[in-house]
Amino acid sequence: MSIVLLLLPIALLLASSFVAAFVWAGRHGQYDDLDTPAYRILLDDSERKAR
């Protein structure tokens, strides 16, 4: 039973840090453009250099 008293705060701290990182990434625009990175593989190298 004493291990639960140790693991529960560690799990809560870890979960809250992941939520905080997700919220931070969302506020700083990490999820604004989800389509363009998937299409970059289809572009030729010469098209990328011309931009």
N, C-alpha and C. Protein backbone atom coordinates (compact mmCIF):
# COMPACT_ATOMS: atom_id res chain seq x y z
N MET A 1 0.82 -1.20 0.00
CA MET A 1 0.00 0.00 0.00
C MET A 1 0.86 1.26 0.00
N SER A 2 2.03 1.18 0.58
CA SER A 2 2.87 2.37 0.66
C SER A 2 3.42 2.76 -0.72
N ILE A 3 3.52 1.80 -1.64
CA ILE A 3 4.01 2.12 -2.98
C ILE A 3 3.00 2.99 -3.73
N VAL A 4 1.72 2.82 -3.42
CA VAL A 4 0.69 3.64 -4.05
C VAL A 4 0.86 5.09 -3.64
N LEU A 5 1.23 5.31 -2.40
CA LEU A 5 1.44 6.67 -1.92
C LEU A 5 2.64 7.33 -2.60
N LEU A 6 3.54 6.55 -3.11
CA LEU A 6 4.68 7.09 -3.85
C LEU A 6 4.37 7.26 -5.33
N LEU A 7 3.71 6.26 -5.92
CA LEU A 7 3.47 6.29 -7.36
C LEU A 7 2.36 7.24 -7.78
N LEU A 8 1.37 7.46 -6.95
CA LEU A 8 0.26 8.33 -7.31
C LEU A 8 0.70 9.78 -7.52
N PRO A 9 1.47 10.38 -6.63
CA PRO A 9 1.93 11.76 -6.91
C PRO A 9 2.86 11.84 -8.12
N ILE A 10 3.68 10.82 -8.32
CA ILE A 10 4.56 10.82 -9.49
C ILE A 10 3.73 10.74 -10.77
N ALA A 11 2.71 9.91 -10.79
CA ALA A 11 1.85 9.78 -11.97
C ALA A 11 1.09 11.08 -12.23
N LEU A 12 0.59 11.70 -11.19
CA LEU A 12 -0.12 12.97 -11.36
C LEU A 12 0.80 14.07 -11.86
N LEU A 13 2.01 14.11 -11.36
CA LEU A 13 2.99 15.10 -11.82
C LEU A 13 3.35 14.87 -13.28
N LEU A 14 3.55 13.64 -13.66
CA LEU A 14 3.88 13.31 -15.04
C LEU A 14 2.73 13.65 -15.98
N ALA A 15 1.52 13.30 -15.59
CA ALA A 15 0.35 13.59 -16.42
C ALA A 15 0.13 15.09 -16.56
N SER A 16 0.29 15.83 -15.49
CA SER A 16 0.09 17.28 -15.58
C SER A 16 1.18 17.93 -16.41
N SER A 17 2.39 17.39 -16.40
CA SER A 17 3.43 17.96 -17.25
C SER A 17 3.15 17.70 -18.72
N PHE A 18 2.60 16.55 -19.07
CA PHE A 18 2.22 16.28 -20.45
C PHE A 18 1.08 17.19 -20.90
N VAL A 19 0.12 17.42 -20.05
CA VAL A 19 -0.98 18.33 -20.39
C VAL A 19 -0.45 19.75 -20.57
N ALA A 20 0.44 20.18 -19.70
CA ALA A 20 1.01 21.52 -19.81
C ALA A 20 1.81 21.66 -21.10
N ALA A 21 2.57 20.64 -21.48
CA ALA A 21 3.33 20.68 -22.73
C ALA A 21 2.41 20.73 -23.94
N PHE A 22 1.31 20.01 -23.90
CA PHE A 22 0.34 20.02 -24.99
C PHE A 22 -0.32 21.39 -25.13
N VAL A 23 -0.70 21.98 -24.02
CA VAL A 23 -1.32 23.31 -24.04
C VAL A 23 -0.32 24.35 -24.54
N TRP A 24 0.93 24.27 -24.09
CA TRP A 24 1.95 25.20 -24.54
C TRP A 24 2.16 25.10 -26.04
N ALA A 25 2.23 23.87 -26.56
CA ALA A 25 2.44 23.67 -27.99
C ALA A 25 1.25 24.20 -28.79
N GLY A 26 0.06 24.03 -28.28
CA GLY A 26 -1.12 24.54 -28.97
C GLY A 26 -1.16 26.05 -29.01
N ARG A 27 -0.75 26.68 -27.95
CA ARG A 27 -0.76 28.15 -27.90
C ARG A 27 0.35 28.76 -28.74
N HIS A 28 1.41 28.03 -28.99
CA HIS A 28 2.52 28.56 -29.76
C HIS A 28 2.49 28.13 -31.23
N GLY A 29 1.35 27.62 -31.69
CA GLY A 29 1.17 27.38 -33.12
C GLY A 29 1.73 26.09 -33.66
N GLN A 30 2.01 25.12 -32.84
CA GLN A 30 2.57 23.87 -33.35
C GLN A 30 1.57 23.07 -34.18
N TYR A 31 0.28 23.30 -33.98
CA TYR A 31 -0.74 22.53 -34.68
C TYR A 31 -1.51 23.37 -35.69
N ASP A 32 -0.95 24.49 -36.13
CA ASP A 32 -1.67 25.37 -37.04
C ASP A 32 -1.77 24.79 -38.45
N ASP A 33 -0.70 24.24 -38.98
CA ASP A 33 -0.69 23.73 -40.35
C ASP A 33 -0.32 22.25 -40.33
N LEU A 34 -1.33 21.41 -40.43
CA LEU A 34 -1.09 19.97 -40.37
C LEU A 34 -1.00 19.34 -41.76
N ASP A 35 -1.37 20.07 -42.82
CA ASP A 35 -1.40 19.49 -44.16
C ASP A 35 -0.11 19.67 -44.93
N THR A 36 0.51 20.83 -44.83
CA THR A 36 1.69 21.13 -45.64
C THR A 36 2.86 20.17 -45.42
N PRO A 37 3.21 19.79 -44.20
CA PRO A 37 4.34 18.86 -44.05
C PRO A 37 4.12 17.52 -44.76
N ALA A 38 2.90 17.08 -44.87
CA ALA A 38 2.64 15.81 -45.55
C ALA A 38 2.82 15.94 -47.06
N TYR A 39 2.61 17.13 -47.62
CA TYR A 39 2.77 17.33 -49.06
C TYR A 39 4.19 17.67 -49.47
N ARG A 40 5.05 18.02 -48.54
CA ARG A 40 6.43 18.38 -48.89
C ARG A 40 7.19 17.22 -49.51
N ILE A 41 6.86 16.01 -49.16
CA ILE A 41 7.56 14.85 -49.72
C ILE A 41 7.26 14.70 -51.21
N LEU A 42 6.13 15.25 -51.66
CA LEU A 42 5.74 15.12 -53.06
C LEU A 42 6.39 16.17 -53.96
N LEU A 43 6.96 17.22 -53.37
CA LEU A 43 7.57 18.29 -54.16
C LEU A 43 8.96 17.88 -54.63
N ASP A 44 9.33 18.37 -55.80
CA ASP A 44 10.68 18.14 -56.31
C ASP A 44 11.66 19.02 -55.54
N ASP A 45 12.92 18.61 -55.54
CA ASP A 45 13.94 19.41 -54.87
C ASP A 45 14.12 20.76 -55.55
N SER A 46 13.98 20.82 -56.87
CA SER A 46 14.16 22.08 -57.58
C SER A 46 13.05 23.07 -57.21
N GLU A 47 11.85 22.58 -56.94
CA GLU A 47 10.76 23.46 -56.53
C GLU A 47 11.03 24.03 -55.15
N ARG A 48 11.60 23.26 -54.27
CA ARG A 48 11.89 23.74 -52.92
C ARG A 48 12.99 24.79 -52.93
N LYS A 49 14.00 24.61 -53.81
CA LYS A 49 15.10 25.56 -53.86
C LYS A 49 14.69 26.87 -54.49
N ALA A 50 13.68 26.86 -55.37
CA ALA A 50 13.25 28.07 -56.06
C ALA A 50 12.50 29.00 -55.11
N ARG A 51 11.99 28.49 -54.02
CA ARG A 51 11.19 29.32 -53.11
C ARG A 51 12.04 30.13 -52.25
